[in-house]
Amino acid sequence: MKNILFALLLPLCVFSQNNLLGEIDNLKGDTKTVSAFKSLKIVNFESTKLVGKGDLFFVVAHRFDYIKNGFEDFFGIDDAVTQIKFAYGVTEAITIHASRSGFQKTFDIGIKYQLVSQKSDGFPFTIVGFNSLAINTEMKKEFLPLLTFKDRLTFVSQLLVSRKVSDKLSLELIPTFFHENVVRDVLDASNNVILPNPQENSQFAIGIGGRYKLAKRWSLNMDYGAHLNRASQSIYKNPLSIGVDLETGGHVFQMHFTNSRAMHEAGFLGQTTGDWSKGEISFGFNLVRVF
């Protein structure tokens, strides 16, 4: 009798076990990492995308002069600022970079590291930390006799929080702290230097950005940075950038318009001078190649 009962129950046990294993496999398959962005930058601000382990990204970025001058300088194309950057994936969760920019002859090094990733049927956000150090080599001792190396430095710390809302829409929030060891002089209405300098060395900003997929290889991108403790007399503006991404084999080509000619965080966060309402807008592009 026991043998007959075992024979009757065996298929049911096997079937139940197979169902359970199937459910576990489905759960594993349903929970996967979600990537919100295709390129390392939205436009100016860093995205939550990291370089894959062992991969090397080569980035060439250009910002031309303001388009407001028209044909006089061919809408700014006669005068360009260039940045050359290398980014390397140390691990799947850590990316390092080094760059050189024509804006203030700046060297920039940084690290981007993933803290947590968005997962389908799991955690709803990707959170990435970003830190960089910029070195302004344009400052000269003949004009600034008391200049020391530390005076050239600006430190940036950001938390990048993104969410892929849908197959088409991704959004990011970027709380930011940056510290300029030396801040530029602030002038009054008569162009006299205001003393003491009203601009604090430690500064705060909040960035927002997003990507909307227009077609299989095209997306519309935008980012904006709101400075939170800029001196009221300062000439600097908040950076606003709008552009498109084109994905092709092996690289991403980004084209955009922005009021910032600087491409590193210390530059566009604290020293953007362009005013969109006055036509002080630069055309620019980022070309990213993967090795």
C-alpha atoms as a PDB file:
ATOM      1  CA  MET A   1       0.000   0.000   0.000  1.00  0.00           C
ATOM      2  CA  LYS A   2       2.848   2.377   0.868  1.00  0.00           C
ATOM      3  CA  ASN A   3       4.499   1.638  -2.463  1.00  0.00           C
ATOM      4  CA  ILE A   4       1.273   2.367  -4.330  1.00  0.00           C
ATOM      5  CA  LEU A   5       0.797   5.670  -2.407  1.00  0.00           C
ATOM      6  CA  PHE A   6       4.433   6.695  -3.127  1.00  0.00           C
ATOM      7  CA  ALA A   7       3.946   5.931  -6.809  1.00  0.00           C
ATOM      8  CA  LEU A   8       0.830   8.098  -6.919  1.00  0.00           C
ATOM      9  CA  LEU A   9       2.450  11.031  -5.079  1.00  0.00           C
ATOM     10  CA  LEU A  10       5.823  10.992  -6.889  1.00  0.00           C
ATOM     11  CA  PRO A  11       4.639  12.756 -10.071  1.00  0.00           C
ATOM     12  CA  LEU A  12       2.934  15.435  -7.935  1.00  0.00           C
ATOM     13  CA  CYS A  13       6.134  16.014  -5.926  1.00  0.00           C
ATOM     14  CA  VAL A  14       8.263  16.260  -9.051  1.00  0.00           C
ATOM     15  CA  PHE A  15       5.729  18.611 -10.666  1.00  0.00           C
ATOM     16  CA  SER A  16       5.638  20.832  -7.552  1.00  0.00           C
ATOM     17  CA  GLN A  17       9.430  20.904  -7.369  1.00  0.00           C
ATOM     18  CA  ASN A  18       9.681  21.878 -11.035  1.00  0.00           C
ATOM     19  CA  ASN A  19       7.126  24.656 -10.519  1.00  0.00           C
ATOM     20  CA  LEU A  20       9.051  25.985  -7.519  1.00  0.00           C
ATOM     21  CA  LEU A  21      12.361  25.956  -9.425  1.00  0.00           C
ATOM     22  CA  GLY A  22      10.631  27.644 -12.334  1.00  0.00           C
ATOM     23  CA  GLU A  23       9.342  30.398 -10.079  1.00  0.00           C
ATOM     24  CA  ILE A  24      12.814  30.948  -8.617  1.00  0.00           C
ATOM     25  CA  ASP A  25      14.295  31.177 -12.130  1.00  0.00           C
ATOM     26  CA  ASN A  26      11.601  33.652 -13.161  1.00  0.00           C
ATOM     27  CA  LEU A  27      12.266  35.789 -10.118  1.00  0.00           C
ATOM     28  CA  LYS A  28      15.958  35.853 -10.941  1.00  0.00           C
ATOM     29  CA  GLY A  29      15.225  36.746 -14.539  1.00  0.00           C
ATOM     30  CA  ASP A  30      12.713  39.469 -13.635  1.00  0.00           C
ATOM     31  CA  THR A  31      15.130  41.278 -11.308  1.00  0.00           C
ATOM     32  CA  LYS A  32      17.808  42.864 -13.457  1.00  0.00           C
ATOM     33  CA  THR A  33      19.909  46.016 -13.421  1.00  0.00           C
ATOM     34  CA  VAL A  34      18.332  48.916 -15.317  1.00  0.00           C
ATOM     35  CA  SER A  35      20.556  51.369 -17.242  1.00  0.00           C
ATOM     36  CA  ALA A  36      19.152  54.910 -17.434  1.00  0.00           C
ATOM     37  CA  PHE A  37      21.706  56.574 -19.737  1.00  0.00           C
ATOM     38  CA  LYS A  38      23.786  55.576 -22.765  1.00  0.00           C
ATOM     39  CA  SER A  39      26.646  58.064 -22.349  1.00  0.00           C
ATOM     40  CA  LEU A  40      28.887  59.092 -19.464  1.00  0.00           C
ATOM     41  CA  LYS A  41      27.386  62.591 -19.477  1.00  0.00           C
ATOM     42  CA  ILE A  42      23.839  63.856 -19.879  1.00  0.00           C
ATOM     43  CA  VAL A  43      25.242  67.029 -21.475  1.00  0.00           C
ATOM     44  CA  ASN A  44      27.466  68.817 -18.954  1.00  0.00           C
ATOM     45  CA  PHE A  45      26.588  66.850 -15.828  1.00  0.00           C
ATOM     46  CA  GLU A  46      27.786  63.299 -15.269  1.00  0.00           C
ATOM     47  CA  SER A  47      25.201  60.572 -15.777  1.00  0.00           C
ATOM     48  CA  THR A  48      25.008  57.405 -13.691  1.00  0.00           C
ATOM     49  CA  LYS A  49      26.551  55.342 -16.505  1.00  0.00           C
ATOM     50  CA  LEU A  50      29.956  53.849 -15.699  1.00  0.00           C
ATOM     51  CA  VAL A  51      32.662  52.415 -17.921  1.00  0.00           C
ATOM     52  CA  GLY A  52      32.712  48.617 -18.045  1.00  0.00           C
ATOM     53  CA  LYS A  53      35.563  46.794 -16.312  1.00  0.00           C
ATOM     54  CA  GLY A  54      38.715  46.992 -18.411  1.00  0.00           C
ATOM     55  CA  ASP A  55      37.156  49.312 -21.016  1.00  0.00           C
ATOM     56  CA  LEU A  56      38.737  52.626 -22.006  1.00  0.00           C
ATOM     57  CA  PHE A  57      36.628  55.563 -23.167  1.00  0.00           C
ATOM     58  CA  PHE A  58      38.238  58.338 -25.215  1.00  0.00           C
ATOM     59  CA  VAL A  59      36.217  61.581 -25.194  1.00  0.00           C
ATOM     60  CA  VAL A  60      36.777  64.653 -27.350  1.00  0.00           C
ATOM     61  CA  ALA A  61      34.554  67.597 -26.398  1.00  0.00           C
ATOM     62  CA  HIS A  62      34.269  71.001 -28.088  1.00  0.00           C
ATOM     63  CA  ARG A  63      32.517  74.197 -27.095  1.00  0.00           C
ATOM     64  CA  PHE A  64      32.492  76.982 -29.661  1.00  0.00           C
ATOM     65  CA  ASP A  65      32.016  80.687 -28.945  1.00  0.00           C
ATOM     66  CA  TYR A  66      28.592  82.311 -28.652  1.00  0.00           C
ATOM     67  CA  ILE A  67      26.395  82.157 -31.752  1.00  0.00           C
ATOM     68  CA  LYS A  68      25.193  85.765 -31.236  1.00  0.00           C
ATOM     69  CA  ASN A  69      28.028  87.247 -33.321  1.00  0.00           C
ATOM     70  CA  GLY A  70      26.655  85.613 -36.472  1.00  0.00           C
ATOM     71  CA  PHE A  71      28.860  85.493 -39.572  1.00  0.00           C
ATOM     72  CA  GLU A  72      31.538  87.693 -37.980  1.00  0.00           C
ATOM     73  CA  ASP A  73      33.084  84.587 -36.406  1.00  0.00           C
ATOM     74  CA  PHE A  74      30.849  82.090 -38.235  1.00  0.00           C
ATOM     75  CA  PHE A  75      28.479  81.686 -35.287  1.00  0.00           C
ATOM     76  CA  GLY A  76      31.332  81.050 -32.861  1.00  0.00           C
ATOM     77  CA  ILE A  77      33.032  78.256 -34.799  1.00  0.00           C
ATOM     78  CA  ASP A  78      36.200  80.352 -35.269  1.00  0.00           C
ATOM     79  CA  ASP A  79      36.891  80.140 -31.535  1.00  0.00           C
ATOM     80  CA  ALA A  80      36.677  76.766 -29.787  1.00  0.00           C
ATOM     81  CA  VAL A  81      37.519  75.343 -26.379  1.00  0.00           C
ATOM     82  CA  THR A  82      38.519  71.679 -26.433  1.00  0.00           C
ATOM     83  CA  GLN A  83      38.670  68.984 -23.788  1.00  0.00           C
ATOM     84  CA  ILE A  84      40.434  65.623 -24.169  1.00  0.00           C
ATOM     85  CA  LYS A  85      39.431  62.960 -21.636  1.00  0.00           C
ATOM     86  CA  PHE A  86      40.255  59.323 -20.905  1.00  0.00           C
ATOM     87  CA  ALA A  87      37.941  57.274 -18.655  1.00  0.00           C
ATOM     88  CA  TYR A  88      38.779  53.745 -17.523  1.00  0.00           C
ATOM     89  CA  GLY A  89      36.697  51.067 -15.833  1.00  0.00           C
ATOM     90  CA  VAL A  90      38.701  49.771 -12.872  1.00  0.00           C
ATOM     91  CA  THR A  91      35.787  47.486 -11.967  1.00  0.00           C
ATOM     92  CA  GLU A  92      32.168  47.332 -13.058  1.00  0.00           C
ATOM     93  CA  ALA A  93      31.389  49.744 -10.205  1.00  0.00           C
ATOM     94  CA  ILE A  94      34.385  52.124 -10.335  1.00  0.00           C
ATOM     95  CA  THR A  95      35.399  54.484 -13.146  1.00  0.00           C
ATOM     96  CA  ILE A  96      38.352  56.879 -13.081  1.00  0.00           C
ATOM     97  CA  HIS A  97      39.097  59.701 -15.505  1.00  0.00           C
ATOM     98  CA  ALA A  98      41.748  62.261 -16.429  1.00  0.00           C
ATOM     99  CA  SER A  99      41.284  65.218 -18.763  1.00  0.00           C
ATOM    100  CA  ARG A 100      42.838  68.407 -20.095  1.00  0.00           C
ATOM    101  CA  SER A 101      40.697  71.377 -21.101  1.00  0.00           C
ATOM    102  CA  GLY A 102      41.515  74.612 -22.897  1.00  0.00           C
ATOM    103  CA  PHE A 103      39.212  76.455 -20.498  1.00  0.00           C
ATOM    104  CA  GLN A 104      41.680  78.032 -18.031  1.00  0.00           C
ATOM    105  CA  LYS A 105      44.178  75.360 -19.184  1.00  0.00           C
ATOM    106  CA  THR A 106      42.662  72.982 -16.667  1.00  0.00           C
ATOM    107  CA  PHE A 107      43.707  69.471 -15.710  1.00  0.00           C
ATOM    108  CA  ASP A 108      40.944  67.415 -14.136  1.00  0.00           C
ATOM    109  CA  ILE A 109      40.970  64.001 -12.456  1.00  0.00           C
ATOM    110  CA  GLY A 110      38.011  62.187 -10.974  1.00  0.00           C
ATOM    111  CA  ILE A 111      36.379  58.993  -9.789  1.00  0.00           C
ATOM    112  CA  LYS A 112      32.813  57.736 -10.218  1.00  0.00           C
ATOM    113  CA  TYR A 113      31.563  54.811  -8.157  1.00  0.00           C
ATOM    114  CA  GLN A 114      28.250  52.986  -8.024  1.00  0.00           C
ATOM    115  CA  LEU A 115      26.596  52.700  -4.626  1.00  0.00           C
ATOM    116  CA  VAL A 116      23.382  50.954  -5.663  1.00  0.00           C
ATOM    117  CA  SER A 117      21.673  50.227  -8.969  1.00  0.00           C
ATOM    118  CA  GLN A 118      18.067  50.390 -10.108  1.00  0.00           C
ATOM    119  CA  LYS A 119      16.520  46.985 -10.594  1.00  0.00           C
ATOM    120  CA  SER A 120      13.305  45.892 -12.193  1.00  0.00           C
ATOM    121  CA  ASP A 121      10.994  44.720  -9.401  1.00  0.00           C
ATOM    122  CA  GLY A 122      13.620  46.008  -6.947  1.00  0.00           C
ATOM    123  CA  PHE A 123      15.335  49.190  -5.808  1.00  0.00           C
ATOM    124  CA  PRO A 124      13.849  52.113  -7.818  1.00  0.00           C
ATOM    125  CA  PHE A 125      16.983  54.277  -8.271  1.00  0.00           C
ATOM    126  CA  THR A 126      20.603  54.110  -9.344  1.00  0.00           C
ATOM    127  CA  ILE A 127      22.848  56.042  -6.958  1.00  0.00           C
ATOM    128  CA  VAL A 128      26.424  56.901  -7.936  1.00  0.00           C
ATOM    129  CA  GLY A 129      29.042  59.000  -6.167  1.00  0.00           C
ATOM    130  CA  PHE A 130      31.322  61.362  -8.092  1.00  0.00           C
ATOM    131  CA  ASN A 131      34.411  63.293  -6.934  1.00  0.00           C
ATOM    132  CA  SER A 132      36.806  65.379  -8.993  1.00  0.00           C
ATOM    133  CA  LEU A 133      39.778  67.685  -8.588  1.00  0.00           C
ATOM    134  CA  ALA A 134      40.470  70.492 -11.075  1.00  0.00           C
ATOM    135  CA  ILE A 135      43.836  72.238 -11.410  1.00  0.00           C
ATOM    136  CA  ASN A 136      43.817  75.696 -13.027  1.00  0.00           C
ATOM    137  CA  THR A 137      47.209  76.158 -14.724  1.00  0.00           C
ATOM    138  CA  GLU A 138      46.249  79.453 -16.376  1.00  0.00           C
ATOM    139  CA  MET A 139      47.017  81.406 -13.188  1.00  0.00           C
ATOM    140  CA  LYS A 140      50.537  82.895 -13.399  1.00  0.00           C
ATOM    141  CA  LYS A 141      52.898  83.869 -10.576  1.00  0.00           C
ATOM    142  CA  GLU A 142      54.049  87.012 -12.440  1.00  0.00           C
ATOM    143  CA  PHE A 143      50.528  88.395 -12.024  1.00  0.00           C
ATOM    144  CA  LEU A 144      49.858  86.716  -8.668  1.00  0.00           C
ATOM    145  CA  PRO A 145      53.154  86.792  -6.714  1.00  0.00           C
ATOM    146  CA  LEU A 146      51.671  85.052  -3.665  1.00  0.00           C
ATOM    147  CA  LEU A 147      50.223  82.196  -5.724  1.00  0.00           C
ATOM    148  CA  THR A 148      50.706  78.683  -4.343  1.00  0.00           C
ATOM    149  CA  PHE A 149      49.762  75.311  -5.847  1.00  0.00           C
ATOM    150  CA  LYS A 150      46.734  74.857  -3.587  1.00  0.00           C
ATOM    151  CA  ASP A 151      45.302  78.144  -4.917  1.00  0.00           C
ATOM    152  CA  ARG A 152      44.835  76.435  -8.279  1.00  0.00           C
ATOM    153  CA  LEU A 153      42.568  73.696  -6.910  1.00  0.00           C
ATOM    154  CA  THR A 154      38.815  73.203  -6.960  1.00  0.00           C
ATOM    155  CA  PHE A 155      37.160  70.142  -5.380  1.00  0.00           C
ATOM    156  CA  VAL A 156      33.783  68.754  -6.469  1.00  0.00           C
ATOM    157  CA  SER A 157      31.573  66.139  -4.767  1.00  0.00           C
ATOM    158  CA  GLN A 158      28.273  64.975  -6.251  1.00  0.00           C
ATOM    159  CA  LEU A 159      25.626  62.365  -5.663  1.00  0.00           C
ATOM    160  CA  LEU A 160      24.035  61.196  -8.916  1.00  0.00           C
ATOM    161  CA  VAL A 161      20.546  59.775  -8.437  1.00  0.00           C
ATOM    162  CA  SER A 162      18.817  58.501 -11.571  1.00  0.00           C
ATOM    163  CA  ARG A 163      15.699  56.597 -12.465  1.00  0.00           C
ATOM    164  CA  LYS A 164      14.680  55.056 -15.752  1.00  0.00           C
ATOM    165  CA  VAL A 165      11.001  55.959 -15.619  1.00  0.00           C
ATOM    166  CA  SER A 166      10.066  54.162 -18.835  1.00  0.00           C
ATOM    167  CA  ASP A 167      11.681  52.767 -21.967  1.00  0.00           C
ATOM    168  CA  LYS A 168      11.845  56.327 -23.295  1.00  0.00           C
ATOM    169  CA  LEU A 169      12.320  58.582 -20.262  1.00  0.00           C
ATOM    170  CA  SER A 170      15.219  58.738 -17.753  1.00  0.00           C
ATOM    171  CA  LEU A 171      15.673  61.416 -15.091  1.00  0.00           C
ATOM    172  CA  GLU A 172      18.506  62.385 -12.751  1.00  0.00           C
ATOM    173  CA  LEU A 173      18.959  64.569  -9.676  1.00  0.00           C
ATOM    174  CA  ILE A 174      22.459  65.815  -8.769  1.00  0.00           C
ATOM    175  CA  PRO A 175      23.036  67.435  -5.344  1.00  0.00           C
ATOM    176  CA  THR A 176      26.472  69.065  -5.503  1.00  0.00           C
ATOM    177  CA  PHE A 177      29.126  70.566  -3.233  1.00  0.00           C
ATOM    178  CA  PHE A 178      32.218  72.266  -4.619  1.00  0.00           C
ATOM    179  CA  HIS A 179      35.032  74.265  -3.043  1.00  0.00           C
ATOM    180  CA  GLU A 180      37.202  76.791  -4.882  1.00  0.00           C
ATOM    181  CA  ASN A 181      40.398  77.547  -2.979  1.00  0.00           C
ATOM    182  CA  VAL A 182      40.475  80.921  -4.742  1.00  0.00           C
ATOM    183  CA  VAL A 183      37.297  82.625  -5.967  1.00  0.00           C
ATOM    184  CA  ARG A 184      37.255  85.286  -8.653  1.00  0.00           C
ATOM    185  CA  ASP A 185      36.905  88.942  -7.651  1.00  0.00           C
ATOM    186  CA  VAL A 186      33.338  90.253  -7.596  1.00  0.00           C
ATOM    187  CA  LEU A 187      32.866  93.759  -9.016  1.00  0.00           C
ATOM    188  CA  ASP A 188      30.271  96.406  -8.190  1.00  0.00           C
ATOM    189  CA  ALA A 189      28.315  98.474 -10.729  1.00  0.00           C
ATOM    190  CA  SER A 190      31.348 100.773 -11.185  1.00  0.00           C
ATOM    191  CA  ASN A 191      33.678  97.796 -11.830  1.00  0.00           C
ATOM    192  CA  ASN A 192      35.401  98.195  -8.476  1.00  0.00           C
ATOM    193  CA  VAL A 193      36.403  95.066  -6.562  1.00  0.00           C
ATOM    194  CA  ILE A 194      34.098  94.383  -3.616  1.00  0.00           C
ATOM    195  CA  LEU A 195      36.058  93.694  -0.423  1.00  0.00           C
ATOM    196  CA  PRO A 196      35.811  91.379   1.325  1.00  0.00           C
ATOM    197  CA  ASN A 197      34.806  89.040  -1.467  1.00  0.00           C
ATOM    198  CA  PRO A 198      31.091  88.203  -0.958  1.00  0.00           C
ATOM    199  CA  GLN A 199      31.415  84.823  -2.684  1.00  0.00           C
ATOM    200  CA  GLU A 200      32.062  81.942  -0.289  1.00  0.00           C
ATOM    201  CA  ASN A 201      34.713  79.405  -1.262  1.00  0.00           C
ATOM    202  CA  SER A 202      32.404  76.506  -0.369  1.00  0.00           C
ATOM    203  CA  GLN A 203      29.430  76.454  -2.712  1.00  0.00           C
ATOM    204  CA  PHE A 204      26.331  74.350  -3.246  1.00  0.00           C
ATOM    205  CA  ALA A 205      24.253  73.513  -6.296  1.00  0.00           C
ATOM    206  CA  ILE A 206      21.500  71.177  -7.378  1.00  0.00           C
ATOM    207  CA  GLY A 207      21.520  69.723 -10.866  1.00  0.00           C
ATOM    208  CA  ILE A 208      18.664  68.137 -12.782  1.00  0.00           C
ATOM    209  CA  GLY A 209      18.809  66.314 -16.081  1.00  0.00           C
ATOM    210  CA  GLY A 210      17.033  63.891 -18.292  1.00  0.00           C
ATOM    211  CA  ARG A 211      16.988  61.860 -21.470  1.00  0.00           C
ATOM    212  CA  TYR A 212      14.009  61.170 -23.730  1.00  0.00           C
ATOM    213  CA  LYS A 213      14.414  58.520 -26.419  1.00  0.00           C
ATOM    214  CA  LEU A 214      13.135  59.829 -29.752  1.00  0.00           C
ATOM    215  CA  ALA A 215      14.019  56.830 -31.916  1.00  0.00           C
ATOM    216  CA  LYS A 216      16.141  53.686 -31.815  1.00  0.00           C
ATOM    217  CA  ARG A 217      19.438  55.615 -31.937  1.00  0.00           C
ATOM    218  CA  TRP A 218      18.369  59.186 -31.100  1.00  0.00           C
ATOM    219  CA  SER A 219      17.551  60.845 -27.784  1.00  0.00           C
ATOM    220  CA  LEU A 220      16.851  64.366 -26.544  1.00  0.00           C
ATOM    221  CA  ASN A 221      18.966  65.345 -23.513  1.00  0.00           C
ATOM    222  CA  MET A 222      18.871  68.304 -21.138  1.00  0.00           C
ATOM    223  CA  ASP A 223      20.522  69.355 -17.876  1.00  0.00           C
ATOM    224  CA  TYR A 224      20.470  72.434 -15.650  1.00  0.00           C
ATOM    225  CA  GLY A 225      22.380  73.470 -12.535  1.00  0.00           C
ATOM    226  CA  ALA A 226      20.947  75.835  -9.919  1.00  0.00           C
ATOM    227  CA  HIS A 227      23.643  77.511  -7.789  1.00  0.00           C
ATOM    228  CA  LEU A 228      22.347  77.807  -4.225  1.00  0.00           C
ATOM    229  CA  ASN A 229      24.680  80.332  -2.566  1.00  0.00           C
ATOM    230  CA  ARG A 230      26.067  82.502  -5.358  1.00  0.00           C
ATOM    231  CA  ALA A 231      26.854  86.093  -4.367  1.00  0.00           C
ATOM    232  CA  SER A 232      24.100  88.424  -5.572  1.00  0.00           C
ATOM    233  CA  GLN A 233      26.667  90.674  -7.289  1.00  0.00           C
ATOM    234  CA  SER A 234      28.261  87.802  -9.235  1.00  0.00           C
ATOM    235  CA  ILE A 235      28.302  87.888 -13.036  1.00  0.00           C
ATOM    236  CA  TYR A 236      28.068  84.094 -13.297  1.00  0.00           C
ATOM    237  CA  LYS A 237      24.945  82.245 -14.459  1.00  0.00           C
ATOM    238  CA  ASN A 238      23.375  78.843 -13.993  1.00  0.00           C
ATOM    239  CA  PRO A 239      24.342  76.358 -16.741  1.00  0.00           C
ATOM    240  CA  LEU A 240      21.535  75.198 -19.042  1.00  0.00           C
ATOM    241  CA  SER A 241      22.217  72.727 -21.854  1.00  0.00           C
ATOM    242  CA  ILE A 242      19.957  71.076 -24.439  1.00  0.00           C
ATOM    243  CA  GLY A 243      21.025  68.595 -27.101  1.00  0.00           C
ATOM    244  CA  VAL A 244      20.672  65.238 -28.797  1.00  0.00           C
ATOM    245  CA  ASP A 245      22.553  61.934 -28.590  1.00  0.00           C
ATOM    246  CA  LEU A 246      23.233  59.743 -31.604  1.00  0.00           C
ATOM    247  CA  GLU A 247      24.253  56.155 -30.867  1.00  0.00           C
ATOM    248  CA  THR A 248      26.378  54.463 -33.521  1.00  0.00           C
ATOM    249  CA  GLY A 249      28.584  51.385 -33.544  1.00  0.00           C
ATOM    250  CA  GLY A 250      31.264  51.783 -30.880  1.00  0.00           C
ATOM    251  CA  HIS A 251      30.571  55.373 -29.891  1.00  0.00           C
ATOM    252  CA  VAL A 252      27.997  58.000 -28.908  1.00  0.00           C
ATOM    253  CA  PHE A 253      27.933  61.405 -30.618  1.00  0.00           C
ATOM    254  CA  GLN A 254      26.376  64.221 -28.560  1.00  0.00           C
ATOM    255  CA  MET A 255      25.428  67.591 -30.086  1.00  0.00           C
ATOM    256  CA  HIS A 256      24.051  70.407 -27.953  1.00  0.00           C
ATOM    257  CA  PHE A 257      23.587  74.094 -27.194  1.00  0.00           C
ATOM    258  CA  THR A 258      24.738  75.477 -23.853  1.00  0.00           C
ATOM    259  CA  ASN A 259      25.554  78.766 -22.129  1.00  0.00           C
ATOM    260  CA  SER A 260      28.687  77.232 -20.579  1.00  0.00           C
ATOM    261  CA  ARG A 261      31.987  76.960 -22.442  1.00  0.00           C
ATOM    262  CA  ALA A 262      33.619  75.013 -19.611  1.00  0.00           C
ATOM    263  CA  MET A 263      33.234  71.230 -19.707  1.00  0.00           C
ATOM    264  CA  HIS A 264      34.577  70.171 -16.288  1.00  0.00           C
ATOM    265  CA  GLU A 265      32.383  70.482 -13.196  1.00  0.00           C
ATOM    266  CA  ALA A 266      34.448  73.176 -11.454  1.00  0.00           C
ATOM    267  CA  GLY A 267      34.157  75.348 -14.559  1.00  0.00           C
ATOM    268  CA  PHE A 268      30.517  75.105 -15.575  1.00  0.00           C
ATOM    269  CA  LEU A 269      29.189  75.092 -12.006  1.00  0.00           C
ATOM    270  CA  GLY A 270      31.014  78.195 -10.824  1.00  0.00           C
ATOM    271  CA  GLN A 271      32.072  80.145 -13.907  1.00  0.00           C
ATOM    272  CA  THR A 272      29.371  80.018 -16.560  1.00  0.00           C
ATOM    273  CA  THR A 273      28.958  83.509 -18.050  1.00  0.00           C
ATOM    274  CA  GLY A 274      26.555  82.967 -20.949  1.00  0.00           C
ATOM    275  CA  ASP A 275      23.004  84.320 -20.850  1.00  0.00           C
ATOM    276  CA  TRP A 276      20.462  82.468 -22.995  1.00  0.00           C
ATOM    277  CA  SER A 277      18.215  85.556 -23.205  1.00  0.00           C
ATOM    278  CA  LYS A 278      21.070  87.536 -24.829  1.00  0.00           C
ATOM    279  CA  GLY A 279      22.018  84.871 -27.369  1.00  0.00           C
ATOM    280  CA  GLU A 280      25.121  83.929 -25.391  1.00  0.00           C
ATOM    281  CA  ILE A 281      24.777  80.296 -26.406  1.00  0.00           C
ATOM    282  CA  SER A 282      27.522  77.963 -27.589  1.00  0.00           C
ATOM    283  CA  PHE A 283      27.177  75.058 -29.968  1.00  0.00           C
ATOM    284  CA  GLY A 284      29.147  72.040 -28.804  1.00  0.00           C
ATOM    285  CA  PHE A 285      29.612  68.331 -29.169  1.00  0.00           C
ATOM    286  CA  ASN A 286      31.045  65.348 -27.299  1.00  0.00           C
ATOM    287  CA  LEU A 287      32.461  62.424 -29.250  1.00  0.00           C
ATOM    288  CA  VAL A 288      32.852  59.232 -27.207  1.00  0.00           C
ATOM    289  CA  ARG A 289      34.844  56.274 -28.494  1.00  0.00           C
ATOM    290  CA  VAL A 290      35.079  52.941 -26.672  1.00  0.00           C
ATOM    291  CA  PHE A 291      38.208  50.749 -26.740  1.00  0.00           C
END
